[in-house]
Amino acid sequence: MVARSVSPGGALLRASRMFSLPAPIPGPPTQDTTSSSFNSTTATSAYPTHQVITTLSSSRKRGDWGLKRPLPLRSTTKSSNPMIRVKAIDTIEQITDFTSAADHGLTLRKFQELRVPVVVRKSSSDVSYKVSDYAQRSVFDSEIDTTDIAPKDRAQYIDQRWKFTGPWLAGMTEGDFKEYLSKHVRPRRTAFRAFLKQKLAEEMNGAAQLKAMDEGELDVKQTPVRARDITEDQLTDYLRKLRSHQHHLYAMVGTFLDLAPLKPPEIAIAKIQSRETFKVSENPYAQNGPPSTHPSAGITYLRTKSYMDNHPLYGPQKEHQPVQARVVKPRRNTPVTPASIGVAGIIASTRLGDSVLNRKSVGGALDHINPDVEGGSKLWVQVKQARVDSNGKIILSVDSAPMGHGGAEAELIAKELLGEGEGIFGQQREQNIEVLPENREQMRRQYAAPSAPMTVNKLNLNI
């Protein structure tokens, strides 16, 4: 039998290594150098910009990462978490420029171990002051996760959308705004006039229908006005009318250019409301801008935290397992500043409600940092939910570990998994299980399929 021939391109693709990598995305915005806040150049960025690559243990020992050339063993075999990010596959010096990507890779693993959903927060602040702000909707709800919308229906879902073809004007610099006007806005004047004619025709048809309804002449057939029937004089009068109602003009410009919604300052809202009816955008991204990716950022796909943990020994649990957090910055009373704690590699604020993480539940763990404690001051917290802001940062909503019988058991089980303290029954279980090393041949023999069908021995039964 003649083997099936393979095209040269297919043969090259089969025999080749990784020949391309996704282009890096823009990094998070940096703070102004004149700002009073400190911006570290060595801190982990809010989100990764390059593709993270990993390999098998056997391939890593040979320096094989699927790239053009093997990587040096001295810098890739010492880490227990083989993750790298490639900045350039082939530089001018004919080397592969790479760095470790364990920072973002481990952060993603630790976050997924929390098993919390990503929600859309309607509050404009990163820190919630009310417990009622907890009830947020998942980013995967059908009314919020609007990704594929027809162009004619974009204006209808303006308060639910997160992806827009136009920019968020409040986040643009003056130079970027002028460039956007010259390249994308001015060349579309003719299209905008045609868009206004269509809007004017729809308004004229609606006004004629209302007039016929008031006069009781709905049975009379009316000729609808089309956009091509609008004259230039009618369009000029319509433009003058829109200029006197700037809010309606801005709404039409935003619909035509598909601009991300803006939330004006409170003072501007008060001035506009004093003159005419004004509707503030309810889009959750109007305050700080829409995200550059999906609101979940791909870090988790859970829609709710309403599930029950099932322990292999203790059965179903009443409370979710708490996690241990490290106090990074203690809270202060003068001025009143909340404490900052580190949870799964993410800095979270503790001011979430009137009775959340108060002194009665956590004592003085948040009031000071004891340098004599190995690893820093720690406490047990419960992560409620998470969200991704417009800058790509993960914002966690944390609460103190649940009190009562169920909360105490959950904390004991969490300590037992870490090998700390006693078990839930008052004694720590001894682990005397001897793990024997297995080589590759033994594992293949153990899980290999039988070479011949199994036969059942015949038994002579005397009945």
Foldseek 3Di string as FASTA:
>chain_A
DDDDDDDPVVVCVVPAFPDDFDQFDDFFDDDDPPDPDDDDPPDDGQADGFDKFFDDPVCLVVQCRRAPDRDDNVPQVPDPDRIKGWPARQDPVGHTDIDGPVLRVLLLVQVVVLVFAAFQFLDLDLAAAAPVSLPTFGCPDPLQVDDDDDLVCCLVSLQRDQDFPAEAVVPDDPVVVVVCCVPPNVVCPVVLLLVLLAVVQVVVQVVVCVVCVVVVNPVDDDDRDHSVNDDPVNSVVVVVVCVVVVVVVVSSVCSVRRYRAAFDDPVVVVVVVVPDDDDGRSRSQRYPGGAPDRFRNPSDDDGAPPDWDQDPPPGTAPDAAWDKKAWDAAADVVVGDFTWIARSNAIETQNHYDPFPDCVQFNCLRHDWDPVDVPIRMATKRWHHWTAHRSRHIYTHIGHQDDDDRSVQSHQVVCLVVVDDAHPVRHRDDDPDDDDDDDPVVVCVVPPDDPDDDDDDDDDDDD
